[in-house]
Amino acid sequence: MRTAFAVAAVLAALSWTPDAKAFEPDQPTCIAPASPGGGFDLTCRIAQRSLEAVDLLPSPMEVTFMPGGIGAVAYAHMNSSRIDDPDTIVAFSSGSTLNIAQGKFGVGLDETDARWLATVGADFGAIVVRADSEFQTLDDLLEAVQNDPSGLVFGAGGSIGSQDWMKAALLVGSVGVDPRELRYVAYEGGGESKAALLGGHIDVFPGDVSK
């Protein structure tokens, strides 16, 4: 076994196992590789509740947070310090796997250094502003971007080139604006991004609505 690192969520994978009851971790843990409140946190909570619902946890699953590099810190940690830990899963996203494919998780680490278990839920792209924003429609926002591409601050989880940044890039590109002209702030995850939006530090959050 290359690593005990399990990614995304586990319910579906366990339901495919001939003897699912064989999964009996002593200290079940799910690592969310970002700050509380984002998609990684939500994924861990879904796994936690789902495994409890089918009586696969002998003790409560702990959710811990390990922000850094949109998953890179957690990935490196599991592959160095806890490679034989059978009790821990790690929440991941398609944006994180994109970074792995681009070699952003460090030399010597790639997609083969994880045991990919399952995917639960789905994310749908969303362009979010505060309730009191001057932009009440998407057309309002696009008109402002066209008039002054660097006049607004976009911010989301992930660096330039990530899936959240791509949402903003595709949006402004549809009205002829070069995405490189945008002001974009990278955060560790959705929780930090939403806090920044509510705090007025960014104007637009190109994030996700989960289901």
N, C-alpha and C. Protein backbone atom coordinates (compact mmCIF):
# COMPACT_ATOMS: atom_id res chain seq x y z
N MET A 1 0.85 -1.19 0.00
CA MET A 1 0.00 0.00 0.00
C MET A 1 0.89 1.24 0.00
N ARG A 2 0.75 2.07 -1.02
CA ARG A 2 1.60 3.26 -1.11
C ARG A 2 1.34 4.21 0.04
N THR A 3 0.06 4.35 0.42
CA THR A 3 -0.29 5.28 1.48
C THR A 3 -1.69 4.98 1.98
N ALA A 4 -1.94 5.38 3.20
CA ALA A 4 -3.28 5.21 3.76
C ALA A 4 -4.15 6.44 3.49
N PHE A 5 -3.65 7.28 2.65
CA PHE A 5 -4.31 8.54 2.31
C PHE A 5 -5.52 8.28 1.44
N ALA A 6 -6.69 8.63 1.92
CA ALA A 6 -7.93 8.42 1.17
C ALA A 6 -8.56 9.75 0.85
N VAL A 7 -9.01 9.90 -0.36
CA VAL A 7 -9.36 11.22 -0.84
C VAL A 7 -10.84 11.36 -1.16
N ALA A 8 -11.38 12.51 -0.86
CA ALA A 8 -12.72 12.99 -1.21
C ALA A 8 -13.76 12.56 -0.20
N ALA A 9 -14.15 11.32 -0.18
CA ALA A 9 -15.08 10.82 0.82
C ALA A 9 -15.14 9.31 0.68
N VAL A 10 -15.72 8.63 1.67
CA VAL A 10 -15.52 7.20 1.68
C VAL A 10 -16.78 6.37 1.59
N LEU A 11 -17.94 6.92 1.74
CA LEU A 11 -19.15 6.10 1.83
C LEU A 11 -19.34 5.21 0.62
N ALA A 12 -19.23 5.79 -0.57
CA ALA A 12 -19.45 4.99 -1.78
C ALA A 12 -18.43 3.87 -1.89
N ALA A 13 -17.18 4.16 -1.59
CA ALA A 13 -16.16 3.13 -1.70
C ALA A 13 -16.43 1.99 -0.73
N LEU A 14 -16.83 2.33 0.48
CA LEU A 14 -17.07 1.30 1.46
C LEU A 14 -18.28 0.45 1.10
N SER A 15 -19.25 1.06 0.46
CA SER A 15 -20.42 0.29 0.07
C SER A 15 -20.10 -0.73 -1.01
N TRP A 16 -18.98 -0.53 -1.70
CA TRP A 16 -18.57 -1.48 -2.74
C TRP A 16 -17.72 -2.60 -2.18
N THR A 17 -17.27 -2.47 -0.93
CA THR A 17 -16.38 -3.46 -0.33
C THR A 17 -17.16 -4.70 0.08
N PRO A 18 -16.70 -5.90 -0.26
CA PRO A 18 -17.45 -7.10 0.09
C PRO A 18 -17.77 -7.20 1.58
N ASP A 19 -16.82 -6.84 2.42
CA ASP A 19 -17.04 -6.88 3.86
C ASP A 19 -16.78 -5.50 4.43
N ALA A 20 -17.77 -4.61 4.30
CA ALA A 20 -17.59 -3.22 4.74
C ALA A 20 -17.33 -3.14 6.23
N LYS A 21 -17.84 -4.12 7.00
CA LYS A 21 -17.64 -4.10 8.45
C LYS A 21 -16.17 -4.28 8.82
N ALA A 22 -15.35 -4.70 7.86
CA ALA A 22 -13.93 -4.85 8.14
C ALA A 22 -13.27 -3.51 8.40
N PHE A 23 -13.92 -2.44 7.97
CA PHE A 23 -13.40 -1.10 8.22
C PHE A 23 -13.77 -0.69 9.63
N GLU A 24 -12.83 -0.82 10.56
CA GLU A 24 -13.08 -0.46 11.95
C GLU A 24 -11.88 0.31 12.49
N PRO A 25 -11.75 1.57 12.13
CA PRO A 25 -10.61 2.37 12.59
C PRO A 25 -10.66 2.60 14.09
N ASP A 26 -9.51 2.59 14.72
CA ASP A 26 -9.44 2.84 16.16
C ASP A 26 -9.67 4.31 16.48
N GLN A 27 -9.08 5.18 15.68
CA GLN A 27 -9.22 6.62 15.90
C GLN A 27 -9.56 7.29 14.57
N PRO A 28 -10.81 7.15 14.10
CA PRO A 28 -11.17 7.68 12.78
C PRO A 28 -11.02 9.19 12.71
N THR A 29 -10.36 9.63 11.65
CA THR A 29 -10.08 11.05 11.47
C THR A 29 -10.28 11.43 10.01
N CYS A 30 -10.83 12.59 9.78
CA CYS A 30 -10.88 13.16 8.44
C CYS A 30 -10.16 14.49 8.46
N ILE A 31 -9.19 14.65 7.59
CA ILE A 31 -8.45 15.90 7.50
C ILE A 31 -9.05 16.77 6.39
N ALA A 32 -9.42 17.98 6.75
CA ALA A 32 -9.85 18.98 5.77
C ALA A 32 -8.65 19.90 5.52
N PRO A 33 -8.07 19.88 4.33
CA PRO A 33 -6.83 20.63 4.09
C PRO A 33 -7.06 22.12 3.81
N ALA A 34 -7.85 22.75 4.66
CA ALA A 34 -8.11 24.19 4.57
C ALA A 34 -8.70 24.62 5.90
N SER A 35 -9.02 25.88 6.03
CA SER A 35 -9.65 26.38 7.24
C SER A 35 -11.11 25.95 7.30
N PRO A 36 -11.75 26.01 8.48
CA PRO A 36 -13.15 25.60 8.59
C PRO A 36 -14.08 26.43 7.71
N GLY A 37 -15.17 25.78 7.28
CA GLY A 37 -16.22 26.51 6.60
C GLY A 37 -16.29 26.34 5.10
N GLY A 38 -15.34 25.65 4.51
CA GLY A 38 -15.32 25.50 3.06
C GLY A 38 -15.73 24.12 2.61
N GLY A 39 -15.44 23.83 1.34
CA GLY A 39 -15.83 22.56 0.75
C GLY A 39 -15.13 21.36 1.37
N PHE A 40 -13.86 21.50 1.74
CA PHE A 40 -13.15 20.39 2.37
C PHE A 40 -13.80 20.04 3.71
N ASP A 41 -14.14 21.06 4.47
CA ASP A 41 -14.82 20.86 5.75
C ASP A 41 -16.15 20.13 5.51
N LEU A 42 -16.91 20.59 4.52
CA LEU A 42 -18.20 19.96 4.22
C LEU A 42 -18.03 18.50 3.82
N THR A 43 -17.01 18.19 3.02
CA THR A 43 -16.77 16.82 2.61
C THR A 43 -16.50 15.92 3.81
N CYS A 44 -15.69 16.40 4.74
CA CYS A 44 -15.41 15.61 5.94
C CYS A 44 -16.68 15.40 6.76
N ARG A 45 -17.51 16.43 6.85
CA ARG A 45 -18.75 16.30 7.64
C ARG A 45 -19.69 15.29 6.99
N ILE A 46 -19.75 15.28 5.65
CA ILE A 46 -20.58 14.31 4.95
C ILE A 46 -20.08 12.89 5.22
N ALA A 47 -18.76 12.71 5.12
CA ALA A 47 -18.18 11.39 5.40
C ALA A 47 -18.45 10.98 6.83
N GLN A 48 -18.29 11.91 7.75
CA GLN A 48 -18.51 11.64 9.16
C GLN A 48 -19.94 11.17 9.42
N ARG A 49 -20.91 11.93 8.93
CA ARG A 49 -22.31 11.58 9.17
C ARG A 49 -22.71 10.29 8.45
N SER A 50 -22.18 10.09 7.23
CA SER A 50 -22.55 8.91 6.46
C SER A 50 -22.03 7.64 7.09
N LEU A 51 -20.79 7.67 7.54
CA LEU A 51 -20.21 6.48 8.16
C LEU A 51 -20.87 6.16 9.50
N GLU A 52 -21.25 7.21 10.22
CA GLU A 52 -21.97 6.99 11.47
C GLU A 52 -23.34 6.36 11.20
N ALA A 53 -23.98 6.81 10.12
CA ALA A 53 -25.33 6.34 9.81
C ALA A 53 -25.37 4.85 9.48
N VAL A 54 -24.27 4.31 8.96
CA VAL A 54 -24.23 2.88 8.60
C VAL A 54 -23.39 2.07 9.59
N ASP A 55 -23.15 2.67 10.77
CA ASP A 55 -22.48 1.97 11.88
C ASP A 55 -21.11 1.43 11.51
N LEU A 56 -20.34 2.24 10.78
CA LEU A 56 -18.98 1.81 10.43
C LEU A 56 -17.91 2.48 11.29
N LEU A 57 -18.33 3.26 12.28
CA LEU A 57 -17.37 3.93 13.14
C LEU A 57 -17.52 3.45 14.58
N PRO A 58 -16.50 2.80 15.12
CA PRO A 58 -16.56 2.35 16.51
C PRO A 58 -16.47 3.50 17.50
N SER A 59 -15.98 4.64 17.04
CA SER A 59 -15.89 5.85 17.87
C SER A 59 -16.10 7.05 16.95
N PRO A 60 -16.46 8.21 17.51
CA PRO A 60 -16.74 9.39 16.67
C PRO A 60 -15.54 9.78 15.80
N MET A 61 -15.82 10.17 14.57
CA MET A 61 -14.77 10.62 13.66
C MET A 61 -14.40 12.07 13.97
N GLU A 62 -13.14 12.32 14.16
CA GLU A 62 -12.65 13.67 14.41
C GLU A 62 -12.35 14.36 13.08
N VAL A 63 -12.76 15.61 12.96
CA VAL A 63 -12.42 16.41 11.79
C VAL A 63 -11.35 17.41 12.20
N THR A 64 -10.21 17.36 11.52
CA THR A 64 -9.11 18.28 11.80
C THR A 64 -8.81 19.11 10.55
N PHE A 65 -8.13 20.22 10.74
CA PHE A 65 -7.87 21.15 9.64
C PHE A 65 -6.37 21.32 9.45
N MET A 66 -5.96 21.25 8.19
CA MET A 66 -4.55 21.36 7.86
C MET A 66 -4.39 22.22 6.59
N PRO A 67 -4.60 23.54 6.70
CA PRO A 67 -4.49 24.39 5.50
C PRO A 67 -3.06 24.49 5.00
N GLY A 68 -2.96 24.82 3.73
CA GLY A 68 -1.65 25.01 3.13
C GLY A 68 -1.55 24.46 1.73
N GLY A 69 -1.39 25.35 0.77
CA GLY A 69 -1.15 24.93 -0.61
C GLY A 69 -2.33 24.25 -1.27
N ILE A 70 -3.55 24.56 -0.86
CA ILE A 70 -4.76 23.95 -1.42
C ILE A 70 -4.65 22.43 -1.39
N GLY A 71 -4.20 21.90 -0.27
CA GLY A 71 -4.08 20.45 -0.10
C GLY A 71 -2.66 19.93 -0.11
N ALA A 72 -1.71 20.75 -0.55
CA ALA A 72 -0.33 20.27 -0.68
C ALA A 72 0.28 19.89 0.67
N VAL A 73 0.00 20.68 1.71
CA VAL A 73 0.57 20.40 3.02
C VAL A 73 0.04 19.07 3.56
N ALA A 74 -1.27 18.87 3.44
CA ALA A 74 -1.85 17.61 3.92
C ALA A 74 -1.33 16.42 3.11
N TYR A 75 -1.20 16.59 1.82
CA TYR A 75 -0.71 15.52 0.95
C TYR A 75 0.71 15.11 1.34
N ALA A 76 1.55 16.10 1.54
CA ALA A 76 2.94 15.82 1.93
C ALA A 76 2.99 15.21 3.33
N HIS A 77 2.16 15.71 4.23
CA HIS A 77 2.13 15.20 5.60
C HIS A 77 1.76 13.72 5.62
N MET A 78 0.71 13.34 4.89
CA MET A 78 0.28 11.95 4.88
C MET A 78 1.31 11.04 4.24
N ASN A 79 2.02 11.56 3.26
CA ASN A 79 3.00 10.73 2.55
C ASN A 79 4.37 10.72 3.20
N SER A 80 4.52 11.45 4.29
CA SER A 80 5.80 11.44 5.00
C SER A 80 5.65 10.91 6.42
N SER A 81 4.66 11.41 7.15
CA SER A 81 4.54 11.08 8.56
C SER A 81 3.50 10.00 8.86
N ARG A 82 2.52 9.81 7.96
CA ARG A 82 1.42 8.91 8.30
C ARG A 82 1.09 7.98 7.13
N ILE A 83 2.11 7.50 6.48
CA ILE A 83 1.89 6.71 5.28
C ILE A 83 1.22 5.36 5.57
N ASP A 84 1.33 4.88 6.82
CA ASP A 84 0.72 3.60 7.16
C ASP A 84 -0.43 3.78 8.15
N ASP A 85 -1.02 4.97 8.19
CA ASP A 85 -2.13 5.26 9.09
C ASP A 85 -3.44 4.75 8.47
N PRO A 86 -4.06 3.72 9.03
CA PRO A 86 -5.28 3.16 8.43
C PRO A 86 -6.56 3.87 8.88
N ASP A 87 -6.42 4.86 9.75
CA ASP A 87 -7.61 5.46 10.36
C ASP A 87 -7.99 6.82 9.77
N THR A 88 -7.20 7.31 8.83
CA THR A 88 -7.37 8.69 8.38
C THR A 88 -7.74 8.78 6.90
N ILE A 89 -8.71 9.63 6.61
CA ILE A 89 -9.02 9.99 5.24
C ILE A 89 -8.80 11.49 5.09
N VAL A 90 -8.64 11.94 3.87
CA VAL A 90 -8.41 13.35 3.59
C VAL A 90 -9.38 13.82 2.51
N ALA A 91 -10.02 14.93 2.74
CA ALA A 91 -10.94 15.48 1.74
C ALA A 91 -10.13 16.19 0.66
N PHE A 92 -10.55 16.01 -0.57
CA PHE A 92 -9.86 16.67 -1.68
C PHE A 92 -10.89 17.20 -2.66
N SER A 93 -10.42 17.92 -3.65
CA SER A 93 -11.30 18.49 -4.67
C SER A 93 -10.67 18.31 -6.04
N SER A 94 -11.45 18.56 -7.07
CA SER A 94 -10.89 18.48 -8.42
C SER A 94 -9.83 19.55 -8.62
N GLY A 95 -9.97 20.68 -7.93
CA GLY A 95 -8.93 21.71 -8.02
C GLY A 95 -7.61 21.24 -7.45
N SER A 96 -7.67 20.48 -6.36
CA SER A 96 -6.45 19.92 -5.77
C SER A 96 -5.79 18.93 -6.71
N THR A 97 -6.60 18.07 -7.31
CA THR A 97 -6.02 17.09 -8.23
C THR A 97 -5.43 17.77 -9.46
N LEU A 98 -6.01 18.89 -9.86
CA LEU A 98 -5.42 19.66 -10.96
C LEU A 98 -4.03 20.14 -10.58
N ASN A 99 -3.88 20.61 -9.34
CA ASN A 99 -2.56 21.06 -8.88
C ASN A 99 -1.56 19.92 -8.85
N ILE A 100 -2.03 18.73 -8.46
CA ILE A 100 -1.14 17.56 -8.48
C ILE A 100 -0.67 17.30 -9.90
N ALA A 101 -1.61 17.32 -10.85
CA ALA A 101 -1.27 17.05 -12.24
C ALA A 101 -0.29 18.08 -12.80
N GLN A 102 -0.35 19.29 -12.27
CA GLN A 102 0.54 20.36 -12.72
C GLN A 102 1.87 20.36 -11.98
N GLY A 103 2.07 19.39 -11.08
CA GLY A 103 3.33 19.30 -10.34
C GLY A 103 3.50 20.31 -9.24
N LYS A 104 2.39 20.85 -8.73
CA LYS A 104 2.47 21.91 -7.72
C LYS A 104 2.53 21.37 -6.29
N PHE A 105 2.50 20.04 -6.13
CA PHE A 105 2.53 19.47 -4.78
C PHE A 105 3.93 19.03 -4.37
N GLY A 106 4.91 19.38 -5.16
CA GLY A 106 6.28 19.08 -4.78
C GLY A 106 6.89 17.97 -5.61
N VAL A 107 8.21 17.99 -5.63
CA VAL A 107 8.95 16.99 -6.40
C VAL A 107 8.74 15.61 -5.78
N GLY A 108 8.46 14.63 -6.62
CA GLY A 108 8.33 13.27 -6.16
C GLY A 108 6.94 12.86 -5.72
N LEU A 109 5.97 13.80 -5.75
CA LEU A 109 4.60 13.48 -5.37
C LEU A 109 3.69 13.61 -6.58
N ASP A 110 2.92 12.58 -6.85
CA ASP A 110 1.96 12.66 -7.95
C ASP A 110 0.69 11.93 -7.55
N GLU A 111 -0.20 11.69 -8.51
CA GLU A 111 -1.49 11.11 -8.20
C GLU A 111 -1.41 9.66 -7.72
N THR A 112 -0.28 9.00 -7.93
CA THR A 112 -0.16 7.62 -7.49
C THR A 112 0.15 7.52 -6.00
N ASP A 113 0.39 8.63 -5.35
CA ASP A 113 0.72 8.63 -3.93
C ASP A 113 -0.50 8.76 -3.04
N ALA A 114 -1.67 8.45 -3.58
CA ALA A 114 -2.90 8.43 -2.79
C ALA A 114 -3.73 7.24 -3.21
N ARG A 115 -4.53 6.76 -2.28
CA ARG A 115 -5.51 5.74 -2.59
C ARG A 115 -6.86 6.44 -2.71
N TRP A 116 -7.32 6.62 -3.93
CA TRP A 116 -8.54 7.38 -4.20
C TRP A 116 -9.76 6.50 -3.92
N LEU A 117 -10.57 6.88 -2.98
CA LEU A 117 -11.67 6.02 -2.57
C LEU A 117 -12.98 6.30 -3.28
N ALA A 118 -13.44 7.52 -3.23
CA ALA A 118 -14.77 7.78 -3.77
C ALA A 118 -15.01 9.28 -3.91
N THR A 119 -16.08 9.61 -4.59
CA THR A 119 -16.54 10.99 -4.71
C THR A 119 -17.99 11.06 -4.25
N VAL A 120 -18.30 12.03 -3.43
CA VAL A 120 -19.70 12.25 -3.05
C VAL A 120 -20.03 13.71 -3.32
N GLY A 121 -21.28 13.96 -3.71
CA GLY A 121 -21.71 15.32 -3.95
C GLY A 121 -21.23 15.86 -5.28
N ALA A 122 -21.62 17.07 -5.55
CA ALA A 122 -21.24 17.74 -6.78
C ALA A 122 -21.18 19.24 -6.53
N ASP A 123 -20.27 19.91 -7.23
CA ASP A 123 -20.13 21.36 -7.13
C ASP A 123 -20.59 22.00 -8.43
N PHE A 124 -21.34 23.08 -8.31
CA PHE A 124 -21.76 23.85 -9.47
C PHE A 124 -21.20 25.26 -9.33
N GLY A 125 -20.58 25.75 -10.38
CA GLY A 125 -19.96 27.06 -10.33
C GLY A 125 -20.96 28.17 -10.03
N ALA A 126 -20.53 29.12 -9.22
CA ALA A 126 -21.39 30.24 -8.85
C ALA A 126 -20.57 31.52 -8.77
N ILE A 127 -21.17 32.61 -9.16
CA ILE A 127 -20.55 33.93 -9.00
C ILE A 127 -21.31 34.63 -7.88
N VAL A 128 -20.62 34.90 -6.78
CA VAL A 128 -21.28 35.36 -5.56
C VAL A 128 -20.81 36.76 -5.19
N VAL A 129 -21.77 37.62 -4.83
CA VAL A 129 -21.47 38.94 -4.28
C VAL A 129 -22.25 39.09 -2.97
N ARG A 130 -21.92 40.11 -2.19
CA ARG A 130 -22.67 40.35 -0.95
C ARG A 130 -24.11 40.75 -1.26
N ALA A 131 -24.98 40.52 -0.30
CA ALA A 131 -26.39 40.87 -0.49
C ALA A 131 -26.57 42.37 -0.71
N ASP A 132 -25.69 43.18 -0.14
CA ASP A 132 -25.81 44.64 -0.29
C ASP A 132 -24.92 45.18 -1.41
N SER A 133 -24.43 44.30 -2.28
CA SER A 133 -23.57 44.73 -3.37
C SER A 133 -24.31 45.66 -4.33
N GLU A 134 -23.57 46.53 -4.95
CA GLU A 134 -24.16 47.39 -5.98
C GLU A 134 -24.55 46.59 -7.22
N PHE A 135 -24.01 45.38 -7.33
CA PHE A 135 -24.31 44.54 -8.49
C PHE A 135 -25.47 43.61 -8.15
N GLN A 136 -26.62 43.87 -8.71
CA GLN A 136 -27.80 43.08 -8.44
C GLN A 136 -28.07 42.03 -9.51
N THR A 137 -27.39 42.16 -10.65
CA THR A 137 -27.52 41.16 -11.71
C THR A 137 -26.14 40.86 -12.27
N LEU A 138 -26.04 39.75 -12.99
CA LEU A 138 -24.77 39.40 -13.62
C LEU A 138 -24.39 40.43 -14.67
N ASP A 139 -25.37 40.97 -15.37
CA ASP A 139 -25.10 42.00 -16.37
C ASP A 139 -24.48 43.24 -15.73
N ASP A 140 -24.95 43.61 -14.53
CA ASP A 140 -24.36 44.74 -13.81
C ASP A 140 -22.88 44.51 -13.57
N LEU A 141 -22.56 43.30 -13.11
CA LEU A 141 -21.17 42.96 -12.80
C LEU A 141 -20.30 42.97 -14.05
N LEU A 142 -20.80 42.37 -15.13
CA LEU A 142 -20.01 42.31 -16.36
C LEU A 142 -19.80 43.68 -16.97
N GLU A 143 -20.78 44.55 -16.84
CA GLU A 143 -20.62 45.91 -17.35
C GLU A 143 -19.51 46.64 -16.60
N ALA A 144 -19.46 46.44 -15.28
CA ALA A 144 -18.41 47.08 -14.48
C ALA A 144 -17.04 46.53 -14.84
N VAL A 145 -16.95 45.23 -15.07
CA VAL A 145 -15.67 44.62 -15.45
C VAL A 145 -15.22 45.13 -16.81
N GLN A 146 -16.14 45.28 -17.73
CA GLN A 146 -15.79 45.79 -19.06
C GLN A 146 -15.27 47.23 -18.97
N ASN A 147 -15.89 48.02 -18.12
CA ASN A 147 -15.49 49.43 -17.99
C ASN A 147 -14.16 49.59 -17.28
N ASP A 148 -13.88 48.69 -16.34
CA ASP A 148 -12.64 48.80 -15.56
C ASP A 148 -12.26 47.40 -15.05
N PRO A 149 -11.56 46.60 -15.85
CA PRO A 149 -11.25 45.21 -15.48
C PRO A 149 -10.53 45.06 -14.15
N SER A 150 -9.71 46.02 -13.77
CA SER A 150 -8.97 45.91 -12.51
C SER A 150 -9.65 46.67 -11.38
N GLY A 151 -10.85 47.15 -11.61
CA GLY A 151 -11.53 47.94 -10.59
C GLY A 151 -12.19 47.10 -9.51
N LEU A 152 -12.39 45.82 -9.77
CA LEU A 152 -13.00 44.92 -8.79
C LEU A 152 -11.98 43.88 -8.35
N VAL A 153 -12.17 43.39 -7.13
CA VAL A 153 -11.29 42.36 -6.60
C VAL A 153 -12.05 41.04 -6.53
N PHE A 154 -11.56 40.05 -7.27
CA PHE A 154 -12.09 38.71 -7.21
C PHE A 154 -11.24 37.91 -6.23
N GLY A 155 -11.84 36.97 -5.55
CA GLY A 155 -11.07 36.13 -4.63
C GLY A 155 -11.74 34.80 -4.42
N ALA A 156 -10.93 33.74 -4.32
CA ALA A 156 -11.48 32.39 -4.15
C ALA A 156 -10.38 31.45 -3.68
N GLY A 157 -10.79 30.21 -3.37
CA GLY A 157 -9.81 29.22 -2.98
C GLY A 157 -9.04 28.72 -4.18
N GLY A 158 -7.75 28.81 -4.12
CA GLY A 158 -6.93 28.36 -5.25
C GLY A 158 -6.21 29.51 -5.91
N SER A 159 -5.06 29.20 -6.47
CA SER A 159 -4.23 30.21 -7.10
C SER A 159 -4.69 30.47 -8.53
N ILE A 160 -4.01 31.38 -9.20
CA ILE A 160 -4.29 31.64 -10.60
C ILE A 160 -4.10 30.35 -11.40
N GLY A 161 -5.09 30.01 -12.19
CA GLY A 161 -5.07 28.76 -12.93
C GLY A 161 -5.93 27.68 -12.31
N SER A 162 -6.39 27.92 -11.08
CA SER A 162 -7.23 26.94 -10.40
C SER A 162 -8.63 26.96 -10.99
N GLN A 163 -9.47 26.00 -10.55
CA GLN A 163 -10.81 25.92 -11.10
C GLN A 163 -11.65 27.14 -10.72
N ASP A 164 -11.44 27.69 -9.52
CA ASP A 164 -12.20 28.89 -9.14
C ASP A 164 -11.76 30.09 -9.96
N TRP A 165 -10.47 30.22 -10.16
CA TRP A 165 -9.98 31.31 -11.02
C TRP A 165 -10.52 31.15 -12.43
N MET A 166 -10.61 29.90 -12.90
CA MET A 166 -11.11 29.66 -14.25
C MET A 166 -12.55 30.12 -14.41
N LYS A 167 -13.33 30.02 -13.35
CA LYS A 167 -14.71 30.51 -13.42
C LYS A 167 -14.72 32.00 -13.74
N ALA A 168 -13.89 32.75 -13.03
CA ALA A 168 -13.81 34.18 -13.28
C ALA A 168 -13.24 34.46 -14.66
N ALA A 169 -12.22 33.70 -15.06
CA ALA A 169 -11.59 33.92 -16.36
C ALA A 169 -12.56 33.66 -17.50
N LEU A 170 -13.31 32.58 -17.41
CA LEU A 170 -14.28 32.26 -18.46
C LEU A 170 -15.39 33.30 -18.51
N LEU A 171 -15.79 33.76 -17.34
CA LEU A 171 -16.87 34.74 -17.28
C LEU A 171 -16.47 36.05 -17.96
N VAL A 172 -15.33 36.61 -17.56
CA VAL A 172 -14.94 37.90 -18.13
C VAL A 172 -14.48 37.74 -19.58
N GLY A 173 -13.94 36.57 -19.90
CA GLY A 173 -13.54 36.32 -21.28
C GLY A 173 -14.73 36.32 -22.22
N SER A 174 -15.91 35.97 -21.69
CA SER A 174 -17.11 35.94 -22.53
C SER A 174 -17.55 37.32 -22.99
N VAL A 175 -17.04 38.37 -22.33
CA VAL A 175 -17.37 39.74 -22.75
C VAL A 175 -16.13 40.47 -23.26
N GLY A 176 -15.12 39.68 -23.65
CA GLY A 176 -13.96 40.27 -24.29
C GLY A 176 -12.91 40.86 -23.39
N VAL A 177 -12.94 40.55 -22.10
CA VAL A 177 -11.94 41.07 -21.15
C VAL A 177 -10.85 40.03 -20.95
N ASP A 178 -9.60 40.47 -21.00
CA ASP A 178 -8.46 39.59 -20.77
C ASP A 178 -8.40 39.23 -19.29
N PRO A 179 -8.50 37.94 -18.90
CA PRO A 179 -8.47 37.56 -17.49
C PRO A 179 -7.22 38.02 -16.75
N ARG A 180 -6.15 38.26 -17.49
CA ARG A 180 -4.91 38.70 -16.84
C ARG A 180 -5.02 40.12 -16.29
N GLU A 181 -6.06 40.83 -16.69
CA GLU A 181 -6.26 42.18 -16.18
C GLU A 181 -7.00 42.20 -14.84
N LEU A 182 -7.55 41.06 -14.45
CA LEU A 182 -8.31 41.01 -13.20
C LEU A 182 -7.40 41.10 -11.98
N ARG A 183 -7.95 41.63 -10.91
CA ARG A 183 -7.29 41.56 -9.60
C ARG A 183 -7.86 40.35 -8.89
N TYR A 184 -7.01 39.42 -8.56
CA TYR A 184 -7.45 38.15 -7.98
C TYR A 184 -6.63 37.84 -6.72
N VAL A 185 -7.34 37.48 -5.64
CA VAL A 185 -6.70 37.11 -4.39
C VAL A 185 -6.94 35.64 -4.13
N ALA A 186 -5.87 34.89 -3.90
CA ALA A 186 -5.97 33.45 -3.66
C ALA A 186 -6.08 33.18 -2.17
N TYR A 187 -7.08 32.37 -1.80
CA TYR A 187 -7.26 31.94 -0.41
C TYR A 187 -7.10 30.43 -0.33
N GLU A 188 -7.04 29.93 0.92
CA GLU A 188 -6.84 28.50 1.12
C GLU A 188 -8.08 27.68 0.82
N GLY A 189 -9.25 28.29 0.89
CA GLY A 189 -10.46 27.54 0.64
C GLY A 189 -11.69 28.43 0.64
N GLY A 190 -12.85 27.78 0.52
CA GLY A 190 -14.09 28.53 0.44
C GLY A 190 -14.44 29.27 1.71
N GLY A 191 -14.07 28.71 2.86
CA GLY A 191 -14.36 29.37 4.13
C GLY A 191 -13.70 30.73 4.22
N GLU A 192 -12.41 30.78 3.92
CA GLU A 192 -11.68 32.05 3.96
C GLU A 192 -12.20 33.01 2.90
N SER A 193 -12.54 32.48 1.74
CA SER A 193 -13.04 33.33 0.65
C SER A 193 -14.35 33.99 1.03
N LYS A 194 -15.28 33.21 1.60
CA LYS A 194 -16.56 33.77 2.00
C LYS A 194 -16.41 34.80 3.11
N ALA A 195 -15.49 34.54 4.04
CA ALA A 195 -15.24 35.52 5.11
C ALA A 195 -14.69 36.82 4.52
N ALA A 196 -13.81 36.70 3.53
CA ALA A 196 -13.26 37.89 2.89
C ALA A 196 -14.34 38.67 2.15
N LEU A 197 -15.26 37.95 1.51
CA LEU A 197 -16.36 38.61 0.80
C LEU A 197 -17.26 39.36 1.77
N LEU A 198 -17.65 38.69 2.85
CA LEU A 198 -18.53 39.32 3.83
C LEU A 198 -17.84 40.48 4.54
N GLY A 199 -16.52 40.40 4.66
CA GLY A 199 -15.77 41.46 5.32
C GLY A 199 -15.43 42.62 4.41
N GLY A 200 -15.79 42.53 3.13
CA GLY A 200 -15.53 43.62 2.20
C GLY A 200 -14.12 43.66 1.65
N HIS A 201 -13.36 42.59 1.82
CA HIS A 201 -11.98 42.56 1.33
C HIS A 201 -11.92 42.21 -0.16
N ILE A 202 -12.94 41.50 -0.63
CA ILE A 202 -13.06 41.22 -2.06
C ILE A 202 -14.48 41.58 -2.50
N ASP A 203 -14.65 41.77 -3.79
CA ASP A 203 -15.97 42.15 -4.32
C ASP A 203 -16.75 40.98 -4.88
N VAL A 204 -16.02 39.98 -5.40
CA VAL A 204 -16.66 38.87 -6.08
C VAL A 204 -16.00 37.55 -5.68
N PHE A 205 -16.82 36.56 -5.40
CA PHE A 205 -16.33 35.22 -5.06
C PHE A 205 -16.77 34.24 -6.13
N PRO A 206 -15.88 33.83 -7.04
CA PRO A 206 -16.24 32.80 -8.02
C PRO A 206 -16.05 31.41 -7.42
N GLY A 207 -17.07 30.95 -6.72
CA GLY A 207 -16.94 29.70 -6.00
C GLY A 207 -17.88 28.63 -6.49
N ASP A 208 -18.43 27.87 -5.56
CA ASP A 208 -19.27 26.73 -5.88
C ASP A 208 -20.52 26.70 -5.02
N VAL A 209 -21.53 26.08 -5.55
CA VAL A 209 -22.70 25.69 -4.77
C VAL A 209 -22.72 24.17 -4.77
N SER A 210 -22.68 23.58 -3.60
CA SER A 210 -22.55 22.13 -3.48
C SER A 210 -23.90 21.47 -3.36
N LYS A 211 -23.95 20.22 -3.81
CA LYS A 211 -25.18 19.44 -3.73
C LYS A 211 -24.84 18.01 -3.34
